[in-house]
Amino acid sequence: MDAKLPRWNFFTNHAHVLFYLKSHPEVPLRRVALAVGITERAVQRIVAELEAGGYLIRTKVGRQNQYSIQGTAPLRHSLEAHRSVDELLAWVGTKDAGDGANEDEKALDNWTVGEHGSEV
């Protein structure tokens, strides 16, 4: 990353977790953390908050968790509360798990999460 570029993003980590889980509903949270560039503990907290807010449902499938997004839930801020999570996900254009997810997963194999985000 260019040192001159700002380090802020347009979306929160909550949004990034939702975007990733939309495309990868069966991955362990460790993998979500690596993709988003935050700690696994932070992802666990975000998932718990999204569940408590009615935006995400966690279902146990054997020893694994599967996540489904409650797309009809409205966005939280008053400026976009007239829009749903599904509308946001459609606008962002998150890809389906079949659209190259395997390459994405392979690319993350050598990543670790450092104090300030993702590091290779």
Protein backbone atom coordinates (compact mmCIF):
# COMPACT_ATOMS: atom_id res chain seq x y z
CA MET A 1 0.00 0.00 0.00
CA ASP A 2 1.27 3.46 -0.91
CA ALA A 3 2.24 5.36 2.26
CA LYS A 4 0.74 8.54 0.80
CA LEU A 5 -2.75 7.05 0.51
CA PRO A 6 -5.13 7.59 3.44
CA ARG A 7 -5.78 4.54 5.63
CA TRP A 8 -9.54 5.05 5.99
CA ASN A 9 -12.33 3.17 4.19
CA PHE A 10 -15.84 4.01 3.09
CA PHE A 11 -17.31 0.94 4.82
CA THR A 12 -17.06 -0.19 8.44
CA ASN A 13 -15.69 -3.53 9.56
CA HIS A 14 -19.31 -4.55 10.22
CA ALA A 15 -20.07 -4.02 6.53
CA HIS A 16 -16.93 -5.85 5.46
CA VAL A 17 -17.87 -8.85 7.62
CA LEU A 18 -21.36 -8.88 6.08
CA PHE A 19 -19.93 -8.60 2.56
CA TYR A 20 -17.59 -11.54 3.17
CA LEU A 21 -20.18 -13.74 4.86
CA LYS A 22 -22.61 -13.11 1.99
CA SER A 23 -20.15 -14.76 -0.38
CA HIS A 24 -18.70 -17.27 2.09
CA PRO A 25 -21.45 -18.32 4.55
CA GLU A 26 -19.70 -21.46 5.79
CA VAL A 27 -16.15 -20.29 6.46
CA PRO A 28 -14.66 -20.16 9.95
CA LEU A 29 -14.46 -16.71 11.51
CA ARG A 30 -10.68 -16.94 11.40
CA ARG A 31 -10.92 -16.86 7.61
CA VAL A 32 -13.27 -13.85 7.79
CA ALA A 33 -10.74 -12.08 10.01
CA LEU A 34 -7.95 -12.72 7.52
CA ALA A 35 -10.05 -11.45 4.61
CA VAL A 36 -11.25 -8.31 6.39
CA GLY A 37 -7.88 -7.59 8.01
CA ILE A 38 -8.96 -7.55 11.64
CA THR A 39 -8.53 -9.97 14.52
CA GLU A 40 -10.67 -13.05 14.96
CA ARG A 41 -11.83 -11.66 18.29
CA ALA A 42 -13.06 -8.50 16.55
CA VAL A 43 -14.96 -10.62 14.01
CA GLN A 44 -16.56 -12.61 16.84
CA ARG A 45 -17.71 -9.36 18.47
CA ILE A 46 -19.04 -8.01 15.17
CA VAL A 47 -20.90 -11.25 14.41
CA ALA A 48 -22.46 -11.19 17.90
CA GLU A 49 -23.56 -7.57 17.36
CA LEU A 50 -24.98 -8.35 13.92
CA GLU A 51 -26.87 -11.31 15.40
CA ALA A 52 -28.22 -9.23 18.28
CA GLY A 53 -29.32 -6.54 15.80
CA GLY A 54 -31.20 -9.06 13.66
CA TYR A 55 -28.89 -8.78 10.65
CA LEU A 56 -27.32 -12.23 10.81
CA ILE A 57 -28.40 -15.73 11.82
CA ARG A 58 -25.87 -18.34 12.91
CA THR A 59 -26.87 -21.97 12.38
CA LYS A 60 -24.85 -24.90 13.67
CA VAL A 61 -24.18 -27.48 10.93
CA GLY A 62 -22.30 -30.33 12.56
CA ARG A 63 -19.25 -28.77 14.16
CA GLN A 64 -19.31 -25.76 11.83
CA ASN A 65 -21.37 -22.57 11.80
CA GLN A 66 -23.26 -21.35 8.77
CA TYR A 67 -24.28 -17.70 8.50
CA SER A 68 -27.30 -16.28 6.74
CA ILE A 69 -27.93 -12.60 6.28
CA GLN A 70 -31.32 -11.14 7.10
CA GLY A 71 -31.51 -9.06 3.96
CA THR A 72 -34.81 -7.35 4.67
CA ALA A 73 -33.41 -5.67 7.78
CA PRO A 74 -33.11 -1.90 7.33
CA LEU A 75 -29.76 -0.13 7.46
CA ARG A 76 -29.14 1.60 10.78
CA HIS A 77 -28.21 5.19 10.01
CA SER A 78 -31.07 7.66 9.47
CA LEU A 79 -29.68 8.68 6.07
CA GLU A 80 -30.04 5.17 4.68
CA ALA A 81 -32.65 3.61 6.97
CA HIS A 82 -35.08 3.53 4.03
CA ARG A 83 -32.80 0.91 2.41
CA SER A 84 -32.32 -2.76 3.30
CA VAL A 85 -29.21 -4.88 3.75
CA ASP A 86 -30.14 -6.73 0.53
CA GLU A 87 -30.12 -3.42 -1.35
CA LEU A 88 -26.67 -2.59 0.02
CA LEU A 89 -25.31 -6.03 -0.87
CA ALA A 90 -26.79 -5.79 -4.37
CA TRP A 91 -25.36 -2.31 -4.86
CA VAL A 92 -21.90 -3.35 -3.71
CA GLY A 93 -22.17 -6.42 -5.92
CA THR A 94 -20.78 -9.05 -3.59
CA LYS A 95 -19.98 -12.14 -5.56
CA ASP A 96 -21.53 -15.52 -4.99
CA ALA A 97 -19.43 -18.26 -3.39
CA GLY A 98 -19.09 -19.94 -6.80
CA ASP A 99 -17.58 -16.87 -8.49
CA GLY A 100 -13.89 -17.43 -7.87
CA ALA A 101 -14.17 -18.00 -4.14
CA ASN A 102 -11.59 -20.77 -4.37
CA GLU A 103 -8.97 -18.35 -5.74
CA ASP A 104 -9.84 -15.89 -2.96
CA GLU A 105 -9.39 -18.60 -0.36
CA LYS A 106 -6.00 -19.63 -1.81
CA ALA A 107 -4.82 -16.03 -1.80
CA LEU A 108 -5.49 -15.80 1.93
CA ASP A 109 -3.53 -18.92 2.86
CA ASN A 110 -0.31 -16.98 3.56
CA TRP A 111 -1.89 -14.01 5.33
CA THR A 112 -1.67 -13.21 9.00
CA VAL A 113 -3.47 -10.50 10.92
CA GLY A 114 -1.14 -7.99 12.47
CA GLU A 115 -1.80 -5.23 14.93
CA HIS A 116 -2.74 -2.77 12.18
CA GLY A 117 -4.60 -5.04 9.78
CA SER A 118 -3.59 -7.65 7.23
CA GLU A 119 0.02 -8.44 6.55
CA VAL A 120 1.58 -10.88 4.13
